[in-house]
Amino acid sequence: MLPLLYLHGLSTKDFVPALAEFFGSEAGLSAAAITRLTKSWSAEREAFMARDLSAVDDVYVWVDGIHFSVRLGKDDRLCVLVMVGVRTDGTKELIALTDGYRESTESWAELLRDAKRQGMRAPVLAVGDGALGFWAAVRDVFPKTRWQRDWVHKVANVLNALPASVQTAARRAMREIWDAEDRDHADKPWTSSPATSPNGRRPYRSSPVTVRRCWPSTTIRPSTGSTFEPRTLSSRRSHPCGPAPT
């Protein structure tokens, strides 16, 4: 709770009067104690960000920028850059967490370069939103890594362009495509889609607002507990839409 309150703007001298009613005045929440704790938290983060990554084989990474307005001036917005990976055995882990200037190419490139210096190998696939900064950075630092847009934003974009009457069926069909084992199963939800117009026709299947059944629109999620042959693309679960473009 203490770091959360600190990040929300509670000053070091205000912890005792704010929390004394709950924990008592002898709880050790003095300004000096809070200052000591913040230094400890910073040291833990620095150690985490400097750890050795050479023994970790992250097949996929997900990236995003989270924007805050904490302890900054009116004109500045802190953007925390987050990178989460999944190992060859399906285990997810936090790889990096650092602040950047918005989601600029240089901020993402600096994070990726630091990870590379720590021994991180190029992931097979990177997944993120439409922010262009990361894509330029990953092409520079890990040119062999493939990339694609994430499902959350893709689904939202499709649903926003469809009438409300078909959104439920479209969401269900997209979920089936997401979970499909191969290309044939990914095609079925749209070839038999109940997402029709009120007159029973399906005008949306060939419309530009429908889901594009190709890279980089579709993400296959590595299931927890699944096993992969390290660094061997052919042994991993195949994408239902075929290989990604190089």
Protein backbone atom coordinates (compact mmCIF):
# COMPACT_ATOMS: atom_id res chain seq x y z
CA MET A 1 0.00 0.00 0.00
CA LEU A 2 2.83 2.43 0.80
CA PRO A 3 4.34 2.58 -2.73
CA LEU A 4 0.82 2.92 -4.17
CA LEU A 5 0.07 5.94 -1.95
CA TYR A 6 3.47 7.41 -2.74
CA LEU A 7 2.90 7.07 -6.49
CA HIS A 8 -0.52 8.68 -6.12
CA GLY A 9 1.16 11.78 -4.72
CA LEU A 10 1.10 11.43 -0.92
CA SER A 11 4.20 13.26 0.30
CA THR A 12 6.64 11.66 2.74
CA LYS A 13 5.65 13.99 5.58
CA ASP A 14 1.93 13.21 5.19
CA PHE A 15 2.05 9.45 5.80
CA VAL A 16 1.88 9.70 9.61
CA PRO A 17 -1.13 12.06 9.81
CA ALA A 18 -2.90 10.23 6.99
CA LEU A 19 -2.46 6.71 8.37
CA ALA A 20 -1.99 7.17 12.11
CA GLU A 21 -5.68 6.50 12.74
CA PHE A 22 -5.34 3.08 11.14
CA PHE A 23 -1.88 2.01 12.28
CA GLY A 24 -1.06 4.31 15.18
CA SER A 25 1.57 6.99 15.46
CA GLU A 26 4.24 4.42 16.35
CA ALA A 27 3.89 2.45 13.11
CA GLY A 28 7.19 3.72 11.74
CA LEU A 29 5.71 5.80 8.93
CA SER A 30 7.89 8.85 9.47
CA ALA A 31 9.21 10.89 6.57
CA ALA A 32 12.67 9.38 7.08
CA ALA A 33 11.25 5.84 6.94
CA ILE A 34 9.34 6.53 3.73
CA THR A 35 12.45 8.07 2.16
CA ARG A 36 14.45 4.97 3.13
CA LEU A 37 11.79 2.70 1.62
CA THR A 38 11.66 4.63 -1.67
CA LYS A 39 15.44 4.27 -2.00
CA SER A 40 15.08 0.54 -1.36
CA TRP A 41 12.34 0.22 -4.00
CA SER A 42 14.50 2.10 -6.52
CA ALA A 43 17.48 -0.16 -5.80
CA GLU A 44 15.31 -3.27 -6.28
CA ARG A 45 14.08 -1.98 -9.62
CA GLU A 46 17.61 -1.15 -10.81
CA ALA A 47 18.81 -4.62 -9.85
CA PHE A 48 15.87 -6.17 -11.69
CA MET A 49 16.55 -4.14 -14.83
CA ALA A 50 20.25 -5.09 -14.79
CA ARG A 51 19.77 -8.84 -14.33
CA ASP A 52 21.26 -11.42 -16.72
CA LEU A 53 18.84 -12.43 -19.50
CA SER A 54 21.14 -14.81 -21.38
CA ALA A 55 19.59 -17.93 -19.86
CA VAL A 56 16.02 -16.94 -20.77
CA ASP A 57 14.58 -18.01 -24.12
CA ASP A 58 11.59 -15.71 -24.70
CA VAL A 59 9.76 -16.87 -27.81
CA TYR A 60 7.09 -14.16 -27.81
CA VAL A 61 7.01 -10.70 -26.27
CA TRP A 62 4.10 -8.36 -25.69
CA VAL A 63 4.78 -4.65 -25.37
CA ASP A 64 2.74 -1.62 -24.38
CA GLY A 65 3.14 1.89 -23.06
CA ILE A 66 1.15 2.90 -19.96
CA HIS A 67 0.64 6.64 -19.51
CA PHE A 68 0.56 8.33 -16.09
CA SER A 69 0.36 11.88 -14.79
CA VAL A 70 2.16 11.33 -11.50
CA ARG A 71 4.65 13.76 -9.89
CA LEU A 72 5.17 15.61 -13.16
CA GLY A 73 4.47 19.09 -14.43
CA LYS A 74 1.37 19.95 -16.36
CA ASP A 75 3.07 19.62 -19.73
CA ASP A 76 4.79 16.29 -19.13
CA ARG A 77 3.30 12.83 -19.11
CA LEU A 78 5.21 9.85 -17.83
CA CYS A 79 5.00 6.80 -20.07
CA VAL A 80 6.02 3.48 -18.54
CA LEU A 81 7.21 1.03 -21.19
CA VAL A 82 6.37 -2.60 -20.38
CA MET A 83 7.65 -5.76 -22.05
CA VAL A 84 6.28 -9.17 -21.07
CA GLY A 85 7.66 -12.39 -22.53
CA VAL A 86 6.75 -16.05 -22.68
CA ARG A 87 9.39 -18.74 -22.48
CA THR A 88 9.60 -21.91 -24.55
CA ASP A 89 7.76 -23.83 -21.80
CA GLY A 90 4.84 -21.35 -21.83
CA THR A 91 5.87 -19.46 -18.67
CA LYS A 92 5.11 -15.74 -18.79
CA GLU A 93 7.43 -13.24 -17.15
CA LEU A 94 8.03 -9.53 -16.89
CA ILE A 95 11.14 -8.70 -18.92
CA ALA A 96 11.43 -4.94 -18.58
CA LEU A 97 9.66 -1.98 -17.00
CA THR A 98 11.07 1.46 -17.57
CA ASP A 99 10.00 5.05 -18.10
CA GLY A 100 10.23 6.69 -21.49
CA TYR A 101 9.25 9.82 -23.35
CA ARG A 102 5.80 8.86 -24.53
CA GLU A 103 6.17 5.84 -26.82
CA SER A 104 8.90 7.22 -29.03
CA THR A 105 11.16 5.09 -31.19
CA GLU A 106 14.22 6.12 -29.20
CA SER A 107 12.62 5.22 -25.86
CA TRP A 108 11.68 1.74 -27.09
CA ALA A 109 15.06 1.29 -28.78
CA GLU A 110 16.88 2.14 -25.56
CA LEU A 111 14.84 -0.47 -23.66
CA LEU A 112 15.53 -3.12 -26.32
CA ARG A 113 19.24 -2.29 -26.48
CA ASP A 114 19.52 -2.62 -22.69
CA ALA A 115 17.79 -6.02 -22.84
CA LYS A 116 20.12 -7.11 -25.65
CA ARG A 117 23.19 -6.02 -23.65
CA GLN A 118 21.90 -8.13 -20.76
CA GLY A 119 21.93 -11.18 -23.02
CA MET A 120 18.38 -11.25 -24.34
CA ARG A 121 18.11 -13.03 -27.68
CA ALA A 122 15.80 -11.86 -30.45
CA PRO A 123 12.26 -13.12 -29.80
CA VAL A 124 10.52 -14.91 -32.63
CA LEU A 125 7.46 -12.66 -32.47
CA ALA A 126 6.66 -9.27 -30.93
CA VAL A 127 3.04 -8.24 -30.35
CA GLY A 128 1.87 -4.69 -29.66
CA ASP A 129 -0.65 -2.01 -30.51
CA GLY A 130 -0.56 0.49 -33.35
CA ALA A 131 2.07 2.77 -31.78
CA LEU A 132 4.71 3.07 -34.49
CA GLY A 133 7.62 3.83 -32.17
CA PHE A 134 8.11 0.23 -31.07
CA TRP A 135 7.96 -1.22 -34.57
CA ALA A 136 10.74 1.04 -35.79
CA ALA A 137 12.79 0.22 -32.69
CA VAL A 138 12.44 -3.56 -32.95
CA ARG A 139 13.40 -3.49 -36.64
CA ASP A 140 16.58 -1.71 -35.65
CA VAL A 141 17.57 -3.77 -32.58
CA PHE A 142 16.12 -7.20 -33.44
CA PRO A 143 15.70 -7.17 -37.23
CA LYS A 144 14.88 -10.91 -37.39
CA THR A 145 11.94 -10.62 -35.00
CA ARG A 146 8.53 -10.80 -36.64
CA TRP A 147 5.79 -8.51 -35.42
CA GLN A 148 2.03 -8.20 -35.45
CA ARG A 149 -0.79 -6.11 -34.00
CA ASP A 150 -2.48 -7.35 -30.86
CA TRP A 151 -5.99 -8.78 -30.72
CA VAL A 152 -7.39 -6.30 -28.20
CA HIS A 153 -7.04 -3.34 -30.54
CA LYS A 154 -7.90 -5.32 -33.65
CA VAL A 155 -11.16 -6.57 -32.16
CA ALA A 156 -12.06 -3.09 -30.92
CA ASN A 157 -11.41 -1.59 -34.35
CA VAL A 158 -13.59 -4.18 -36.07
CA LEU A 159 -16.46 -3.88 -33.60
CA ASN A 160 -16.42 -0.09 -33.80
CA ALA A 161 -17.02 -0.34 -37.55
CA LEU A 162 -19.91 -2.82 -37.31
CA PRO A 163 -23.58 -2.21 -36.45
CA ALA A 164 -24.49 -2.98 -32.83
CA SER A 165 -26.84 -5.75 -34.00
CA VAL A 166 -23.97 -7.96 -35.22
CA GLN A 167 -21.24 -7.09 -32.73
CA THR A 168 -21.97 -9.98 -30.36
CA ALA A 169 -21.80 -12.57 -33.15
CA ALA A 170 -18.70 -10.91 -34.62
CA ARG A 171 -16.95 -10.94 -31.25
CA ARG A 172 -17.75 -14.64 -30.86
CA ALA A 173 -16.48 -15.42 -34.36
CA MET A 174 -13.25 -13.52 -33.76
CA ARG A 175 -12.72 -15.42 -30.53
CA GLU A 176 -13.05 -18.70 -32.45
CA ILE A 177 -10.48 -17.46 -34.97
CA TRP A 178 -8.16 -16.48 -32.12
CA ASP A 179 -8.36 -19.98 -30.61
CA ALA A 180 -8.18 -21.82 -33.94
CA GLU A 181 -5.66 -24.63 -34.28
CA ASP A 182 -4.99 -24.10 -37.99
CA ARG A 183 -6.02 -22.13 -41.08
CA ASP A 184 -9.05 -24.33 -41.90
CA HIS A 185 -10.51 -23.91 -38.42
CA ALA A 186 -9.81 -20.16 -38.56
CA ASP A 187 -11.84 -19.87 -41.78
CA LYS A 188 -14.95 -21.61 -40.42
CA PRO A 189 -16.24 -18.85 -38.09
CA TRP A 190 -16.55 -16.45 -41.04
CA THR A 191 -17.76 -18.91 -43.67
CA SER A 192 -20.66 -19.78 -41.33
CA SER A 193 -20.81 -16.50 -39.44
CA PRO A 194 -24.18 -15.56 -37.89
CA ALA A 195 -23.07 -11.93 -38.04
CA THR A 196 -25.67 -10.95 -40.62
CA SER A 197 -27.62 -7.86 -41.40
CA PRO A 198 -31.29 -7.69 -40.33
CA ASN A 199 -32.42 -8.97 -43.76
CA GLY A 200 -30.38 -12.17 -43.36
CA ARG A 201 -27.56 -11.36 -45.77
CA ARG A 202 -23.91 -11.11 -44.82
CA PRO A 203 -22.63 -7.88 -46.30
CA TYR A 204 -19.75 -7.60 -43.87
CA ARG A 205 -17.64 -10.60 -44.84
CA SER A 206 -16.13 -8.90 -47.87
CA SER A 207 -16.23 -5.45 -46.33
CA PRO A 208 -12.89 -3.77 -45.49
CA VAL A 209 -13.99 -3.50 -41.85
CA THR A 210 -14.08 -7.28 -41.30
CA VAL A 211 -11.24 -9.17 -39.71
CA ARG A 212 -8.42 -9.76 -42.14
CA ARG A 213 -7.52 -13.42 -41.91
CA CYS A 214 -3.85 -12.85 -42.51
CA TRP A 215 -0.75 -11.63 -40.76
CA PRO A 216 -0.36 -9.44 -38.81
CA SER A 217 -4.02 -9.34 -37.81
CA THR A 218 -4.21 -12.63 -35.95
CA THR A 219 -2.34 -13.70 -32.84
CA ILE A 220 -1.97 -17.28 -31.67
CA ARG A 221 -1.53 -17.41 -27.91
CA PRO A 222 1.00 -19.89 -26.48
CA SER A 223 -0.93 -21.86 -23.90
CA THR A 224 0.47 -22.18 -20.40
CA GLY A 225 2.24 -25.48 -19.93
CA SER A 226 2.79 -26.09 -23.63
CA THR A 227 6.29 -27.01 -24.73
CA PHE A 228 8.31 -25.74 -27.65
CA GLU A 229 11.61 -26.77 -29.12
CA PRO A 230 13.89 -23.81 -28.28
CA ARG A 231 14.56 -21.46 -31.19
CA THR A 232 13.01 -23.86 -33.76
CA LEU A 233 10.16 -22.23 -35.64
CA SER A 234 9.03 -25.38 -37.41
CA SER A 235 8.34 -27.19 -34.13
CA ARG A 236 6.15 -24.46 -32.70
CA ARG A 237 2.42 -24.26 -33.08
CA SER A 238 1.72 -23.02 -36.60
CA HIS A 239 -0.18 -19.84 -37.23
CA PRO A 240 -3.64 -20.46 -38.76
CA CYS A 241 -2.97 -17.90 -41.48
CA GLY A 242 0.38 -19.21 -42.60
CA PRO A 243 3.87 -17.77 -42.10
CA ALA A 244 4.36 -14.12 -41.28
CA PRO A 245 5.93 -11.85 -43.87
CA THR A 246 9.67 -11.38 -43.49
